[in-house]
Amino acid sequence: MQYVEIFTLVLFAVLFSIGYKKNNRNMMLTASLCLLIGFAIEPFVIGFEQGIADARN
C-alpha cells in the first residue's frame, strides 16, 4: 500500500506543478483528487476487510 501512496504523491506533484504552470485549474483539481484517493485508500481497504470479516462471524 505504501507504493500506492508514493505513486499518488509523485503524481500529485507532477500534475499540480504542470497545472499551476499552465494555469489549468482542472489539472490541479485532478492532482488534488489523486492525493486524496492515494492517502484515503488504505484505511478504506482495511475497514472494508474488517467489515467483511465481521459479517462472516
N, C-alpha and C. Protein backbone atom coordinates (compact mmCIF):
# COMPACT_ATOMS: atom_id res chain seq x y z
N MET A 1 0.82 -1.19 0.00
CA MET A 1 0.00 0.00 0.00
C MET A 1 0.86 1.26 0.00
N GLN A 2 2.08 1.13 0.49
CA GLN A 2 2.93 2.32 0.52
C GLN A 2 3.33 2.74 -0.89
N TYR A 3 3.41 1.77 -1.80
CA TYR A 3 3.73 2.12 -3.19
C TYR A 3 2.63 2.96 -3.81
N VAL A 4 1.40 2.69 -3.45
CA VAL A 4 0.28 3.49 -3.96
C VAL A 4 0.38 4.91 -3.44
N GLU A 5 0.70 5.07 -2.16
CA GLU A 5 0.83 6.41 -1.58
C GLU A 5 1.98 7.18 -2.22
N ILE A 6 3.10 6.52 -2.42
CA ILE A 6 4.25 7.18 -3.04
C ILE A 6 3.93 7.56 -4.48
N PHE A 7 3.29 6.65 -5.22
CA PHE A 7 2.93 6.92 -6.61
C PHE A 7 1.97 8.11 -6.70
N THR A 8 0.95 8.14 -5.84
CA THR A 8 -0.02 9.25 -5.92
C THR A 8 0.60 10.56 -5.45
N LEU A 9 1.56 10.50 -4.53
CA LEU A 9 2.24 11.72 -4.11
C LEU A 9 3.08 12.29 -5.25
N VAL A 10 3.79 11.42 -5.97
CA VAL A 10 4.57 11.87 -7.12
C VAL A 10 3.65 12.38 -8.23
N LEU A 11 2.56 11.65 -8.46
CA LEU A 11 1.58 12.08 -9.47
C LEU A 11 0.99 13.44 -9.11
N PHE A 12 0.71 13.64 -7.84
CA PHE A 12 0.20 14.94 -7.38
C PHE A 12 1.20 16.04 -7.68
N ALA A 13 2.46 15.81 -7.33
CA ALA A 13 3.47 16.84 -7.54
C ALA A 13 3.62 17.19 -9.02
N VAL A 14 3.61 16.18 -9.87
CA VAL A 14 3.77 16.43 -11.31
C VAL A 14 2.56 17.14 -11.89
N LEU A 15 1.37 16.60 -11.62
CA LEU A 15 0.16 17.21 -12.18
C LEU A 15 -0.08 18.61 -11.64
N PHE A 16 0.18 18.80 -10.35
CA PHE A 16 -0.07 20.11 -9.75
C PHE A 16 0.89 21.15 -10.31
N SER A 17 2.16 20.78 -10.47
CA SER A 17 3.12 21.75 -11.00
C SER A 17 2.83 22.09 -12.47
N ILE A 18 2.45 21.09 -13.25
CA ILE A 18 2.09 21.36 -14.65
C ILE A 18 0.82 22.21 -14.72
N GLY A 19 -0.17 21.87 -13.90
CA GLY A 19 -1.40 22.65 -13.88
C GLY A 19 -1.20 24.07 -13.42
N TYR A 20 -0.30 24.27 -12.46
CA TYR A 20 -0.01 25.62 -11.98
C TYR A 20 0.71 26.43 -13.05
N LYS A 21 1.66 25.77 -13.73
CA LYS A 21 2.43 26.47 -14.76
C LYS A 21 1.55 26.87 -15.94
N LYS A 22 0.62 26.00 -16.32
CA LYS A 22 -0.26 26.28 -17.46
C LYS A 22 -1.55 26.99 -17.04
N ASN A 23 -1.69 27.26 -15.75
CA ASN A 23 -2.88 27.91 -15.21
C ASN A 23 -4.13 27.09 -15.55
N ASN A 24 -4.03 25.78 -15.34
CA ASN A 24 -5.11 24.85 -15.64
C ASN A 24 -5.69 24.33 -14.32
N ARG A 25 -6.82 24.87 -13.94
CA ARG A 25 -7.42 24.51 -12.65
C ARG A 25 -7.92 23.07 -12.61
N ASN A 26 -8.38 22.57 -13.74
CA ASN A 26 -8.87 21.18 -13.76
C ASN A 26 -7.75 20.19 -13.50
N MET A 27 -6.56 20.47 -14.01
CA MET A 27 -5.43 19.58 -13.78
C MET A 27 -5.01 19.64 -12.31
N MET A 28 -5.07 20.83 -11.71
CA MET A 28 -4.73 20.96 -10.29
C MET A 28 -5.78 20.25 -9.43
N LEU A 29 -7.04 20.29 -9.84
CA LEU A 29 -8.09 19.57 -9.13
C LEU A 29 -7.87 18.07 -9.24
N THR A 30 -7.51 17.59 -10.42
CA THR A 30 -7.22 16.17 -10.61
C THR A 30 -6.05 15.74 -9.74
N ALA A 31 -5.04 16.58 -9.64
CA ALA A 31 -3.88 16.27 -8.79
C ALA A 31 -4.30 16.17 -7.33
N SER A 32 -5.15 17.08 -6.89
CA SER A 32 -5.61 17.05 -5.50
C SER A 32 -6.46 15.81 -5.22
N LEU A 33 -7.28 15.42 -6.17
CA LEU A 33 -8.09 14.21 -6.00
C LEU A 33 -7.22 12.96 -5.97
N CYS A 34 -6.16 12.94 -6.77
CA CYS A 34 -5.22 11.81 -6.74
C CYS A 34 -4.58 11.70 -5.37
N LEU A 35 -4.21 12.83 -4.79
CA LEU A 35 -3.60 12.82 -3.47
C LEU A 35 -4.60 12.35 -2.42
N LEU A 36 -5.83 12.81 -2.50
CA LEU A 36 -6.86 12.40 -1.57
C LEU A 36 -7.12 10.91 -1.66
N ILE A 37 -7.27 10.40 -2.85
CA ILE A 37 -7.52 8.97 -3.04
C ILE A 37 -6.33 8.14 -2.58
N GLY A 38 -5.14 8.62 -2.88
CA GLY A 38 -3.94 7.88 -2.52
C GLY A 38 -3.79 7.68 -1.02
N PHE A 39 -4.13 8.70 -0.24
CA PHE A 39 -3.97 8.59 1.20
C PHE A 39 -5.22 8.07 1.90
N ALA A 40 -6.35 8.01 1.22
CA ALA A 40 -7.58 7.52 1.84
C ALA A 40 -7.87 6.07 1.51
N ILE A 41 -7.16 5.50 0.55
CA ILE A 41 -7.50 4.15 0.11
C ILE A 41 -7.10 3.10 1.14
N GLU A 42 -5.98 3.29 1.83
CA GLU A 42 -5.54 2.27 2.79
C GLU A 42 -6.52 2.11 3.95
N PRO A 43 -6.95 3.18 4.63
CA PRO A 43 -7.94 2.99 5.69
C PRO A 43 -9.26 2.42 5.17
N PHE A 44 -9.64 2.79 3.95
CA PHE A 44 -10.86 2.26 3.36
C PHE A 44 -10.77 0.76 3.16
N VAL A 45 -9.66 0.30 2.61
CA VAL A 45 -9.48 -1.14 2.36
C VAL A 45 -9.43 -1.91 3.67
N ILE A 46 -8.74 -1.38 4.66
CA ILE A 46 -8.66 -2.05 5.97
C ILE A 46 -10.04 -2.15 6.60
N GLY A 47 -10.79 -1.08 6.56
CA GLY A 47 -12.15 -1.09 7.11
C GLY A 47 -13.07 -2.01 6.35
N PHE A 48 -12.93 -2.05 5.05
CA PHE A 48 -13.75 -2.93 4.22
C PHE A 48 -13.46 -4.39 4.56
N GLU A 49 -12.18 -4.73 4.67
CA GLU A 49 -11.81 -6.11 5.02
C GLU A 49 -12.32 -6.50 6.41
N GLN A 50 -12.23 -5.58 7.36
CA GLN A 50 -12.73 -5.85 8.71
C GLN A 50 -14.25 -6.03 8.69
N GLY A 51 -14.94 -5.23 7.90
CA GLY A 51 -16.38 -5.35 7.80
C GLY A 51 -16.81 -6.68 7.21
N ILE A 52 -16.10 -7.11 6.18
CA ILE A 52 -16.40 -8.42 5.58
C ILE A 52 -16.13 -9.53 6.58
N ALA A 53 -15.00 -9.42 7.29
CA ALA A 53 -14.65 -10.46 8.28
C ALA A 53 -15.68 -10.51 9.42
N ASP A 54 -16.14 -9.35 9.86
CA ASP A 54 -17.14 -9.31 10.93
C ASP A 54 -18.49 -9.85 10.46
N ALA A 55 -18.82 -9.64 9.20
CA ALA A 55 -20.10 -10.13 8.68
C ALA A 55 -20.10 -11.65 8.57
N ARG A 56 -18.94 -12.22 8.36
CA ARG A 56 -18.86 -13.67 8.25
C ARG A 56 -18.98 -14.34 9.62
N ASN A 57 -18.60 -13.64 10.66
CA ASN A 57 -18.64 -14.24 12.02
C ASN A 57 -19.95 -14.04 12.70
